[in-house]
């Protein structure tokens, strides 16, 4: 395959070559055969060189910063509620017994 194109070009050059007489067809001089080579437009797309393609652009993306890990010691603290007695109007340690239901309330500072 590597030598197919030059061989084809050489065969085409010999096929297009014609003999020409040195004196334009008059035979009173010594006859010498000349070989001419046709130089002209190529006959097909296979004679054109392959197109030149530029390499793809290289896009450099900066790396993402590494993740930050926060070490946690043990399980998260459980939410501790205060218990409020509406009938007594006070919270649990101050009131030991509530006549109604206890209400869970988030602690306030």
PDB file of N, CA and C in Angstrom:
ATOM      1  N   UNK A   1       0.826  -1.197   0.000  1.00  0.00           N
ATOM      2  CA  UNK A   1       0.000   0.000   0.000  1.00  0.00           C
ATOM      3  C   UNK A   1       0.865   1.253   0.000  1.00  0.00           C
ATOM      4  N   UNK A   2       2.026   1.148   0.614  1.00  0.00           N
ATOM      5  CA  UNK A   2       2.892   2.303   0.753  1.00  0.00           C
ATOM      6  C   UNK A   2       3.432   2.749  -0.609  1.00  0.00           C
ATOM      7  N   UNK A   3       3.631   1.803  -1.505  1.00  0.00           N
ATOM      8  CA  UNK A   3       4.212   2.124  -2.806  1.00  0.00           C
ATOM      9  C   UNK A   3       3.162   2.229  -3.900  1.00  0.00           C
ATOM     10  N   UNK A   4       1.895   2.152  -3.559  1.00  0.00           N
ATOM     11  CA  UNK A   4       0.845   2.155  -4.574  1.00  0.00           C
ATOM     12  C   UNK A   4       0.737   3.520  -5.244  1.00  0.00           C
ATOM     13  N   UNK A   5       0.780   4.599  -4.487  1.00  0.00           N
ATOM     14  CA  UNK A   5       0.616   5.934  -5.073  1.00  0.00           C
ATOM     15  C   UNK A   5       1.790   6.293  -5.989  1.00  0.00           C
ATOM     16  N   UNK A   6       3.063   6.112  -5.588  1.00  0.00           N
ATOM     17  CA  UNK A   6       4.156   6.441  -6.517  1.00  0.00           C
ATOM     18  C   UNK A   6       4.143   5.558  -7.766  1.00  0.00           C
ATOM     19  N   UNK A   7       3.778   4.300  -7.612  1.00  0.00           N
ATOM     20  CA  UNK A   7       3.722   3.410  -8.769  1.00  0.00           C
ATOM     21  C   UNK A   7       2.631   3.847  -9.723  1.00  0.00           C
ATOM     22  N   UNK A   8       1.501   4.236  -9.198  1.00  0.00           N
ATOM     23  CA  UNK A   8       0.398   4.703 -10.027  1.00  0.00           C
ATOM     24  C   UNK A   8       0.778   5.983 -10.742  1.00  0.00           C
ATOM     25  N   UNK A   9       1.478   6.873 -10.058  1.00  0.00           N
ATOM     26  CA  UNK A   9       1.917   8.113 -10.702  1.00  0.00           C
ATOM     27  C   UNK A   9       2.925   7.837 -11.814  1.00  0.00           C
ATOM     28  N   UNK A  10       3.824   6.896 -11.574  1.00  0.00           N
ATOM     29  CA  UNK A  10       4.811   6.561 -12.611  1.00  0.00           C
ATOM     30  C   UNK A  10       4.129   5.949 -13.830  1.00  0.00           C
ATOM     31  N   UNK A  11       3.182   5.054 -13.597  1.00  0.00           N
ATOM     32  CA  UNK A  11       2.459   4.458 -14.727  1.00  0.00           C
ATOM     33  C   UNK A  11       1.647   5.503 -15.483  1.00  0.00           C
ATOM     34  N   UNK A  12       1.064   6.434 -14.782  1.00  0.00           N
ATOM     35  CA  UNK A  12       0.300   7.499 -15.427  1.00  0.00           C
ATOM     36  C   UNK A  12       1.220   8.395 -16.235  1.00  0.00           C
ATOM     37  N   UNK A  13       2.417   8.677 -15.728  1.00  0.00           N
ATOM     38  CA  UNK A  13       3.367   9.511 -16.458  1.00  0.00           C
ATOM     39  C   UNK A  13       3.810   8.827 -17.749  1.00  0.00           C
ATOM     40  N   UNK A  14       4.051   7.517 -17.693  1.00  0.00           N
ATOM     41  CA  UNK A  14       4.448   6.811 -18.914  1.00  0.00           C
ATOM     42  C   UNK A  14       3.300   6.673 -19.896  1.00  0.00           C
ATOM     43  N   UNK A  15       2.091   6.582 -19.369  1.00  0.00           N
ATOM     44  CA  UNK A  15       0.951   6.464 -20.273  1.00  0.00           C
ATOM     45  C   UNK A  15       0.677   7.784 -20.980  1.00  0.00           C
ATOM     46  N   UNK A  16       0.934   8.876 -20.288  1.00  0.00           N
ATOM     47  CA  UNK A  16       0.687  10.185 -20.883  1.00  0.00           C
ATOM     48  C   UNK A  16       1.850  10.646 -21.752  1.00  0.00           C
ATOM     49  N   UNK A  17       2.971  10.007 -21.608  1.00  0.00           N
ATOM     50  CA  UNK A  17       4.154  10.422 -22.369  1.00  0.00           C
ATOM     51  C   UNK A  17       3.975  10.006 -23.820  1.00  0.00           C
ATOM     52  N   UNK A  18       4.355  10.863 -24.673  1.00  0.00           N
ATOM     53  CA  UNK A  18       4.277  10.559 -26.106  1.00  0.00           C
ATOM     54  C   UNK A  18       5.624  10.826 -26.753  1.00  0.00           C
ATOM     55  N   UNK A  19       5.829  10.250 -27.890  1.00  0.00           N
ATOM     56  CA  UNK A  19       7.091  10.517 -28.584  1.00  0.00           C
ATOM     57  C   UNK A  19       6.864  11.695 -29.518  1.00  0.00           C
ATOM     58  N   UNK A  20       7.831  12.534 -29.552  1.00  0.00           N
ATOM     59  CA  UNK A  20       7.739  13.704 -30.434  1.00  0.00           C
ATOM     60  C   UNK A  20       8.998  13.729 -31.293  1.00  0.00           C
ATOM     61  N   UNK A  21       8.806  14.077 -32.496  1.00  0.00           N
ATOM     62  CA  UNK A  21       9.963  14.168 -33.385  1.00  0.00           C
ATOM     63  C   UNK A  21      10.652  15.504 -33.173  1.00  0.00           C
ATOM     64  N   UNK A  22      11.940  15.493 -33.305  1.00  0.00           N
ATOM     65  CA  UNK A  22      12.711  16.693 -33.026  1.00  0.00           C
ATOM     66  C   UNK A  22      12.449  17.785 -34.047  1.00  0.00           C
ATOM     67  N   UNK A  23      12.073  17.416 -35.229  1.00  0.00           N
ATOM     68  CA  UNK A  23      11.938  18.446 -36.260  1.00  0.00           C
ATOM     69  C   UNK A  23      10.476  18.731 -36.594  1.00  0.00           C
ATOM     70  N   UNK A  24       9.563  18.338 -35.785  1.00  0.00           N
ATOM     71  CA  UNK A  24       8.174  18.672 -36.008  1.00  0.00           C
ATOM     72  C   UNK A  24       7.535  17.833 -37.101  1.00  0.00           C
ATOM     73  N   UNK A  25       8.051  16.654 -37.410  1.00  0.00           N
ATOM     74  CA  UNK A  25       7.419  15.775 -38.383  1.00  0.00           C
ATOM     75  C   UNK A  25       8.141  15.720 -39.717  1.00  0.00           C
ATOM     76  N   UNK A  26       9.144  16.571 -39.937  1.00  0.00           N
ATOM     77  CA  UNK A  26       9.904  16.507 -41.195  1.00  0.00           C
ATOM     78  C   UNK A  26      11.017  15.505 -41.030  1.00  0.00           C
ATOM     79  N   UNK A  27      11.235  14.703 -42.088  1.00  0.00           N
ATOM     80  CA  UNK A  27      12.156  13.570 -41.972  1.00  0.00           C
ATOM     81  C   UNK A  27      13.484  13.797 -42.650  1.00  0.00           C
ATOM     82  N   UNK A  28      13.897  15.011 -42.896  1.00  0.00           N
ATOM     83  CA  UNK A  28      15.174  15.191 -43.560  1.00  0.00           C
ATOM     84  C   UNK A  28      16.312  15.314 -42.561  1.00  0.00           C
ATOM     85  N   UNK A  29      16.044  15.328 -41.261  1.00  0.00           N
ATOM     86  CA  UNK A  29      17.073  15.292 -40.241  1.00  0.00           C
ATOM     87  C   UNK A  29      17.087  13.907 -39.617  1.00  0.00           C
ATOM     88  N   UNK A  30      18.054  13.734 -38.743  1.00  0.00           N
ATOM     89  CA  UNK A  30      18.073  12.457 -38.049  1.00  0.00           C
ATOM     90  C   UNK A  30      16.866  12.355 -37.141  1.00  0.00           C
ATOM     91  N   UNK A  31      16.224  11.203 -37.169  1.00  0.00           N
ATOM     92  CA  UNK A  31      15.051  11.024 -36.340  1.00  0.00           C
ATOM     93  C   UNK A  31      15.483  10.664 -34.917  1.00  0.00           C
ATOM     94  N   UNK A  32      15.011  11.432 -33.987  1.00  0.00           N
ATOM     95  CA  UNK A  32      15.242  11.114 -32.596  1.00  0.00           C
ATOM     96  C   UNK A  32      13.884  11.141 -31.886  1.00  0.00           C
ATOM     97  N   UNK A  33      13.652  10.103 -31.179  1.00  0.00           N
ATOM     98  CA  UNK A  33      12.396  10.045 -30.425  1.00  0.00           C
ATOM     99  C   UNK A  33      12.591  10.734 -29.092  1.00  0.00           C
ATOM    100  N   UNK A  34      11.644  11.546 -28.717  1.00  0.00           N
ATOM    101  CA  UNK A  34      11.691  12.203 -27.427  1.00  0.00           C
ATOM    102  C   UNK A  34      10.474  11.774 -26.613  1.00  0.00           C
ATOM    103  N   UNK A  35      10.697  11.676 -25.363  1.00  0.00           N
ATOM    104  CA  UNK A  35       9.595  11.321 -24.472  1.00  0.00           C
ATOM    105  C   UNK A  35       9.167  12.599 -23.764  1.00  0.00           C
ATOM    106  N   UNK A  36       7.887  12.905 -23.859  1.00  0.00           N
ATOM    107  CA  UNK A  36       7.365  14.087 -23.189  1.00  0.00           C
ATOM    108  C   UNK A  36       6.522  13.654 -21.991  1.00  0.00           C
ATOM    109  N   UNK A  37       6.475  14.496 -21.014  1.00  0.00           N
ATOM    110  CA  UNK A  37       5.686  14.212 -19.826  1.00  0.00           C
ATOM    111  C   UNK A  37       4.627  15.297 -19.715  1.00  0.00           C
ATOM    112  N   UNK A  38       3.402  14.878 -19.553  1.00  0.00           N
ATOM    113  CA  UNK A  38       2.300  15.832 -19.407  1.00  0.00           C
ATOM    114  C   UNK A  38       2.277  16.347 -17.972  1.00  0.00           C
ATOM    115  N   UNK A  39       2.306  17.639 -17.868  1.00  0.00           N
ATOM    116  CA  UNK A  39       2.195  18.266 -16.554  1.00  0.00           C
ATOM    117  C   UNK A  39       0.949  19.141 -16.601  1.00  0.00           C
ATOM    118  N   UNK A  40      -0.018  18.790 -15.816  1.00  0.00           N
ATOM    119  CA  UNK A  40      -1.261  19.553 -15.819  1.00  0.00           C
ATOM    120  C   UNK A  40      -2.033  19.314 -14.541  1.00  0.00           C
ATOM    121  N   UNK A  41      -3.313  19.594 -14.625  1.00  0.00           N
ATOM    122  CA  UNK A  41      -4.165  19.436 -13.461  1.00  0.00           C
ATOM    123  C   UNK A  41      -4.315  17.956 -13.123  1.00  0.00           C
ATOM    124  N   UNK A  42      -4.413  17.629 -11.855  1.00  0.00           N
ATOM    125  CA  UNK A  42      -4.615  16.230 -11.480  1.00  0.00           C
ATOM    126  C   UNK A  42      -5.957  15.720 -11.990  1.00  0.00           C
ATOM    127  N   UNK A  43      -6.024  14.427 -12.137  1.00  0.00           N
ATOM    128  CA  UNK A  43      -7.206  13.819 -12.743  1.00  0.00           C
ATOM    129  C   UNK A  43      -8.264  13.407 -11.737  1.00  0.00           C
ATOM    130  N   UNK A  44      -8.000  13.464 -10.489  1.00  0.00           N
ATOM    131  CA  UNK A  44      -9.000  13.038  -9.519  1.00  0.00           C
ATOM    132  C   UNK A  44      -8.610  13.454  -8.115  1.00  0.00           C
ATOM    133  N   UNK A  45      -9.491  13.236  -7.186  1.00  0.00           N
ATOM    134  CA  UNK A  45      -9.199  13.664  -5.818  1.00  0.00           C
ATOM    135  C   UNK A  45      -8.103  12.859  -5.143  1.00  0.00           C
ATOM    136  N   UNK A  46      -7.729  11.707  -5.686  1.00  0.00           N
ATOM    137  CA  UNK A  46      -6.696  10.897  -5.053  1.00  0.00           C
ATOM    138  C   UNK A  46      -5.305  11.479  -5.262  1.00  0.00           C
ATOM    139  N   UNK A  47      -5.168  12.500  -6.135  1.00  0.00           N
ATOM    140  CA  UNK A  47      -3.865  13.115  -6.335  1.00  0.00           C
ATOM    141  C   UNK A  47      -3.611  14.269  -5.378  1.00  0.00           C
ATOM    142  N   UNK A  48      -4.627  14.715  -4.706  1.00  0.00           N
ATOM    143  CA  UNK A  48      -4.442  15.810  -3.765  1.00  0.00           C
ATOM    144  C   UNK A  48      -3.864  15.275  -2.463  1.00  0.00           C
ATOM    145  N   UNK A  49      -3.024  16.066  -1.822  1.00  0.00           N
ATOM    146  CA  UNK A  49      -2.510  15.603  -0.520  1.00  0.00           C
ATOM    147  C   UNK A  49      -3.632  15.655   0.513  1.00  0.00           C
ATOM    148  N   UNK A  50      -3.510  14.876   1.544  1.00  0.00           N
ATOM    149  CA  UNK A  50      -4.557  14.909   2.569  1.00  0.00           C
ATOM    150  C   UNK A  50      -4.588  16.277   3.243  1.00  0.00           C
ATOM    151  N   UNK A  51      -5.750  16.700   3.696  1.00  0.00           N
ATOM    152  CA  UNK A  51      -5.831  18.019   4.339  1.00  0.00           C
ATOM    153  C   UNK A  51      -5.052  18.041   5.648  1.00  0.00           C
ATOM    154  N   UNK A  52      -4.632  19.216   5.999  1.00  0.00           N
ATOM    155  CA  UNK A  52      -3.859  19.384   7.219  1.00  0.00           C
ATOM    156  C   UNK A  52      -4.832  19.708   8.348  1.00  0.00           C
ATOM    157  N   UNK A  53      -4.816  18.903   9.357  1.00  0.00           N
ATOM    158  CA  UNK A  53      -5.658  19.143  10.514  1.00  0.00           C
ATOM    159  C   UNK A  53      -4.770  19.581  11.667  1.00  0.00           C
ATOM    160  N   UNK A  54      -5.209  20.591  12.354  1.00  0.00           N
ATOM    161  CA  UNK A  54      -4.458  21.050  13.516  1.00  0.00           C
ATOM    162  C   UNK A  54      -4.816  20.177  14.711  1.00  0.00           C
ATOM    163  N   UNK A  55      -3.895  19.982  15.616  1.00  0.00           N
ATOM    164  CA  UNK A  55      -4.218  19.159  16.794  1.00  0.00           C
ATOM    165  C   UNK A  55      -5.277  19.870  17.635  1.00  0.00           C
ATOM    166  N   UNK A  56      -6.058  19.116  18.369  1.00  0.00           N
ATOM    167  CA  UNK A  56      -7.091  19.747  19.192  1.00  0.00           C
ATOM    168  C   UNK A  56      -6.473  20.626  20.278  1.00  0.00           C
ATOM    169  N   UNK A  57      -7.200  21.668  20.644  1.00  0.00           N
ATOM    170  CA  UNK A  57      -6.711  22.557  21.685  1.00  0.00           C
ATOM    171  C   UNK A  57      -6.700  21.827  23.016  1.00  0.00           C
ATOM    172  N   UNK A  58      -5.716  22.159  23.809  1.00  0.00           N
ATOM    173  CA  UNK A  58      -5.613  21.577  25.139  1.00  0.00           C
ATOM    174  C   UNK A  58      -6.169  22.593  26.129  1.00  0.00           C
ATOM    175  N   UNK A  59      -7.191  22.202  26.829  1.00  0.00           N
ATOM    176  CA  UNK A  59      -7.801  23.077  27.818  1.00  0.00           C
ATOM    177  C   UNK A  59      -7.404  22.572  29.195  1.00  0.00           C
ATOM    178  N   UNK A  60      -6.738  23.418  29.922  1.00  0.00           N
ATOM    179  CA  UNK A  60      -6.259  23.034  31.244  1.00  0.00           C
ATOM    180  C   UNK A  60      -7.256  23.554  32.280  1.00  0.00           C
ATOM    181  N   UNK A  61      -7.819  22.647  33.016  1.00  0.00           N
ATOM    182  CA  UNK A  61      -8.768  23.003  34.062  1.00  0.00           C
ATOM    183  C   UNK A  61      -8.056  22.857  35.399  1.00  0.00           C
ATOM    184  N   UNK A  62      -8.046  23.923  36.201  1.00  0.00           N
ATOM    185  CA  UNK A  62      -7.357  23.784  37.486  1.00  0.00           C
ATOM    186  C   UNK A  62      -8.085  22.766  38.362  1.00  0.00           C
ATOM    187  N   UNK A  63      -7.335  22.018  39.118  1.00  0.00           N
ATOM    188  CA  UNK A  63      -7.985  20.998  39.958  1.00  0.00           C
ATOM    189  C   UNK A  63      -8.821  21.637  41.057  1.00  0.00           C
ATOM    190  N   UNK A  64      -9.845  20.935  41.440  1.00  0.00           N
ATOM    191  CA  UNK A  64     -10.717  21.415  42.517  1.00  0.00           C
ATOM    192  C   UNK A  64      -9.957  21.313  43.842  1.00  0.00           C
ATOM    193  N   UNK A  65     -10.237  22.226  44.749  1.00  0.00           N
ATOM    194  CA  UNK A  65      -9.547  22.126  46.045  1.00  0.00           C
ATOM    195  C   UNK A  65      -9.965  20.845  46.754  1.00  0.00           C
ATOM    196  N   UNK A  66      -9.083  20.295  47.530  1.00  0.00           N
ATOM    197  CA  UNK A  66      -9.430  19.044  48.211  1.00  0.00           C
ATOM    198  C   UNK A  66     -10.549  19.275  49.222  1.00  0.00           C
ATOM    199  N   UNK A  67     -11.350  18.259  49.468  1.00  0.00           N
ATOM    200  CA  UNK A  67     -12.442  18.436  50.429  1.00  0.00           C
ATOM    201  C   UNK A  67     -11.894  18.614  51.843  1.00  0.00           C
ATOM    202  N   UNK A  68     -12.626  19.346  52.626  1.00  0.00           N
ATOM    203  CA  UNK A  68     -12.245  19.600  54.016  1.00  0.00           C
ATOM    204  C   UNK A  68     -13.069  18.665  54.895  1.00  0.00           C
ATOM    205  N   UNK A  69     -12.383  17.887  55.688  1.00  0.00           N
ATOM    206  CA  UNK A  69     -13.048  16.953  56.581  1.00  0.00           C
ATOM    207  C   UNK A  69     -12.994  17.499  58.005  1.00  0.00           C
ATOM    208  N   UNK A  70     -14.123  17.496  58.660  1.00  0.00           N
ATOM    209  CA  UNK A  70     -14.184  17.919  60.058  1.00  0.00           C
ATOM    210  C   UNK A  70     -14.391  16.668  60.894  1.00  0.00           C
ATOM    211  N   UNK A  71     -13.417  16.405  61.724  1.00  0.00           N
ATOM    212  CA  UNK A  71     -13.506  15.202  62.537  1.00  0.00           C
ATOM    213  C   UNK A  71     -14.465  15.438  63.698  1.00  0.00           C
ATOM    214  N   UNK A  72     -15.369  14.531  63.860  1.00  0.00           N
ATOM    215  CA  UNK A  72     -16.343  14.643  64.943  1.00  0.00           C
ATOM    216  C   UNK A  72     -16.060  13.525  65.933  1.00  0.00           C
ATOM    217  N   UNK A  73     -16.102  13.879  67.186  1.00  0.00           N
ATOM    218  CA  UNK A  73     -15.826  12.908  68.230  1.00  0.00           C
ATOM    219  C   UNK A  73     -17.140  12.415  68.819  1.00  0.00           C
ATOM    220  N   UNK A  74     -17.432  11.160  68.595  1.00  0.00           N
ATOM    221  CA  UNK A  74     -18.630  10.555  69.183  1.00  0.00           C
ATOM    222  C   UNK A  74     -19.901  10.980  68.473  1.00  0.00           C
ATOM    223  N   UNK A  75     -21.014  10.460  68.938  1.00  0.00           N
ATOM    224  CA  UNK A  75     -22.293  10.808  68.317  1.00  0.00           C
ATOM    225  C   UNK A  75     -22.687  12.233  68.684  1.00  0.00           C
ATOM    226  N   UNK A  76     -23.553  12.852  67.872  1.00  0.00           N
ATOM    227  CA  UNK A  76     -23.969  14.216  68.202  1.00  0.00           C
ATOM    228  C   UNK A  76     -24.778  14.213  69.500  1.00  0.00           C
ATOM    229  N   UNK A  77     -24.718  15.295  70.227  1.00  0.00           N
ATOM    230  CA  UNK A  77     -25.450  15.326  71.500  1.00  0.00           C
ATOM    231  C   UNK A  77     -26.960  15.237  71.252  1.00  0.00           C
ATOM    232  N   UNK A  78     -27.609  14.504  72.093  1.00  0.00           N
ATOM    233  CA  UNK A  78     -29.058  14.367  71.971  1.00  0.00           C
ATOM    234  C   UNK A  78     -29.724  15.650  72.459  1.00  0.00           C
ATOM    235  N   UNK A  79     -30.826  15.969  71.833  1.00  0.00           N
ATOM    236  CA  UNK A  79     -31.554  17.165  72.231  1.00  0.00           C
ATOM    237  C   UNK A  79     -32.286  16.850  73.539  1.00  0.00           C
ATOM    238  N   UNK A  80     -32.050  17.657  74.519  1.00  0.00           N
ATOM    239  CA  UNK A  80     -32.724  17.448  75.798  1.00  0.00           C
ATOM    240  C   UNK A  80     -33.840  18.477  75.927  1.00  0.00           C
ATOM    241  N   UNK A  81     -35.000  17.999  76.237  1.00  0.00           N
ATOM    242  CA  UNK A  81     -36.167  18.871  76.344  1.00  0.00           C
ATOM    243  C   UNK A  81     -36.423  19.222  77.799  1.00  0.00           C
ATOM    244  N   UNK A  82     -37.099  20.337  77.965  1.00  0.00           N
ATOM    245  CA  UNK A  82     -37.655  20.693  79.257  1.00  0.00           C
ATOM    246  C   UNK A  82     -39.109  20.253  79.250  1.00  0.00           C
ATOM    247  N   UNK A  83     -39.603  19.902  80.379  1.00  0.00           N
ATOM    248  CA  UNK A  83     -41.011  19.473  80.479  1.00  0.00           C
ATOM    249  C   UNK A  83     -41.788  20.526  81.251  1.00  0.00           C
ATOM    250  N   UNK A  84     -42.865  20.991  80.650  1.00  0.00           N
ATOM    251  CA  UNK A  84     -43.660  22.090  81.208  1.00  0.00           C
ATOM    252  C   UNK A  84     -45.042  21.578  81.597  1.00  0.00           C
ATOM    253  N   UNK A  85     -45.512  21.984  82.766  1.00  0.00           N
ATOM    254  CA  UNK A  85     -46.859  21.639  83.229  1.00  0.00           C
ATOM    255  C   UNK A  85     -47.710  22.898  83.122  1.00  0.00           C
ATOM    256  N   UNK A  86     -48.691  22.900  82.235  1.00  0.00           N
ATOM    257  CA  UNK A  86     -49.506  24.078  81.995  1.00  0.00           C
ATOM    258  C   UNK A  86     -50.412  24.405  83.205  1.00  0.00           C
ATOM    259  N   UNK A  87     -50.959  23.380  83.852  1.00  0.00           N
ATOM    260  CA  UNK A  87     -51.847  23.624  84.998  1.00  0.00           C
ATOM    261  C   UNK A  87     -51.086  24.269  86.173  1.00  0.00           C
ATOM    262  N   UNK A  88     -49.846  23.848  86.382  1.00  0.00           N
ATOM    263  CA  UNK A  88     -49.060  24.402  87.491  1.00  0.00           C
ATOM    264  C   UNK A  88     -48.322  25.658  87.063  1.00  0.00           C
ATOM    265  N   UNK A  89     -48.084  25.828  85.746  1.00  0.00           N
ATOM    266  CA  UNK A  89     -47.365  27.003  85.241  1.00  0.00           C
ATOM    267  C   UNK A  89     -45.889  26.957  85.576  1.00  0.00           C
ATOM    268  N   UNK A  90     -45.285  25.738  85.657  1.00  0.00           N
ATOM    269  CA  UNK A  90     -43.871  25.620  86.010  1.00  0.00           C
ATOM    270  C   UNK A  90     -43.276  24.422  85.262  1.00  0.00           C
ATOM    271  N   UNK A  91     -41.936  24.340  85.356  1.00  0.00           N
ATOM    272  CA  UNK A  91     -41.215  23.254  84.678  1.00  0.00           C
ATOM    273  C   UNK A  91     -40.960  22.104  85.656  1.00  0.00           C
ATOM    274  N   UNK A  92     -40.434  20.990  85.124  1.00  0.00           N
ATOM    275  CA  UNK A  92     -40.346  19.723  85.858  1.00  0.00           C
ATOM    276  C   UNK A  92     -39.616  19.760  87.196  1.00  0.00           C
ATOM    277  N   UNK A  93     -38.410  20.195  87.293  1.00  0.00           N
ATOM    278  CA  UNK A  93     -37.823  19.999  88.623  1.00  0.00           C
ATOM    279  C   UNK A  93     -38.538  20.800  89.721  1.00  0.00           C
ATOM    280  N   UNK A  94     -39.114  21.941  89.341  1.00  0.00           N
ATOM    281  CA  UNK A  94     -39.829  22.720  90.347  1.00  0.00           C
ATOM    282  C   UNK A  94     -41.165  22.068  90.732  1.00  0.00           C
ATOM    283  N   UNK A  95     -41.803  21.389  89.770  1.00  0.00           N
ATOM    284  CA  UNK A  95     -43.082  20.707  90.008  1.00  0.00           C
ATOM    285  C   UNK A  95     -42.828  19.226  89.816  1.00  0.00           C
ATOM    286  N   UNK A  96     -43.081  18.415  90.807  1.00  0.00           N
ATOM    287  CA  UNK A  96     -42.832  16.982  90.709  1.00  0.00           C
ATOM    288  C   UNK A  96     -44.002  16.229  90.110  1.00  0.00           C
ATOM    289  N   UNK A  97     -45.229  16.738  90.282  1.00  0.00           N
ATOM    290  CA  UNK A  97     -46.407  16.028  89.798  1.00  0.00           C
ATOM    291  C   UNK A  97     -47.287  17.030  89.068  1.00  0.00           C
ATOM    292  N   UNK A  98     -47.771  16.652  87.864  1.00  0.00           N
ATOM    293  CA  UNK A  98     -48.604  17.536  87.051  1.00  0.00           C
ATOM    294  C   UNK A  98     -49.976  16.897  86.904  1.00  0.00           C
ATOM    295  N   UNK A  99     -51.074  17.598  87.195  1.00  0.00           N
ATOM    296  CA  UNK A  99     -52.392  17.008  87.040  1.00  0.00           C
ATOM    297  C   UNK A  99     -52.763  16.757  85.572  1.00  0.00           C
ATOM    298  N   UNK A 100     -52.201  17.509  84.634  1.00  0.00           N
ATOM    299  CA  UNK A 100     -52.480  17.322  83.201  1.00  0.00           C
ATOM    300  C   UNK A 100     -51.273  16.703  82.496  1.00  0.00           C
ATOM    301  N   UNK A 101     -51.261  16.708  81.159  1.00  0.00           N
ATOM    302  CA  UNK A 101     -50.109  16.135  80.420  1.00  0.00           C
ATOM    303  C   UNK A 101     -48.899  17.070  80.455  1.00  0.00           C
ATOM    304  N   UNK A 102     -47.711  16.467  80.435  1.00  0.00           N
ATOM    305  CA  UNK A 102     -46.476  17.232  80.355  1.00  0.00           C
ATOM    306  C   UNK A 102     -46.253  17.636  78.891  1.00  0.00           C
ATOM    307  N   UNK A 103     -45.776  18.866  78.669  1.00  0.00           N
ATOM    308  CA  UNK A 103     -45.457  19.329  77.304  1.00  0.00           C
ATOM    309  C   UNK A 103     -43.949  19.402  77.154  1.00  0.00           C
ATOM    310  N   UNK A 104     -43.474  18.849  76.024  1.00  0.00           N
ATOM    311  CA  UNK A 104     -42.034  18.928  75.761  1.00  0.00           C
ATOM    312  C   UNK A 104     -41.741  20.286  75.113  1.00  0.00           C
ATOM    313  N   UNK A 105     -40.755  20.983  75.660  1.00  0.00           N
ATOM    314  CA  UNK A 105     -40.389  22.329  75.185  1.00  0.00           C
ATOM    315  C   UNK A 105     -38.886  22.348  74.965  1.00  0.00           C
ATOM    316  N   UNK A 106     -38.447  22.999  73.865  1.00  0.00           N
ATOM    317  CA  UNK A 106     -37.007  23.171  73.632  1.00  0.00           C
ATOM    318  C   UNK A 106     -36.435  24.112  74.675  1.00  0.00           C
ATOM    319  N   UNK A 107     -35.277  23.845  75.202  1.00  0.00           N
ATOM    320  CA  UNK A 107     -34.700  24.686  76.248  1.00  0.00           C
ATOM    321  C   UNK A 107     -34.398  26.089  75.720  1.00  0.00           C
ATOM    322  N   UNK A 108     -34.590  27.094  76.591  1.00  0.00           N
ATOM    323  CA  UNK A 108     -34.290  28.489  76.268  1.00  0.00           C
ATOM    324  C   UNK A 108     -33.102  28.931  77.117  1.00  0.00           C
ATOM    325  N   UNK A 109     -32.235  29.766  76.534  1.00  0.00           N
ATOM    326  CA  UNK A 109     -31.098  30.245  77.327  1.00  0.00           C
ATOM    327  C   UNK A 109     -31.524  31.164  78.450  1.00  0.00           C
TER     328      UNK A 109
END
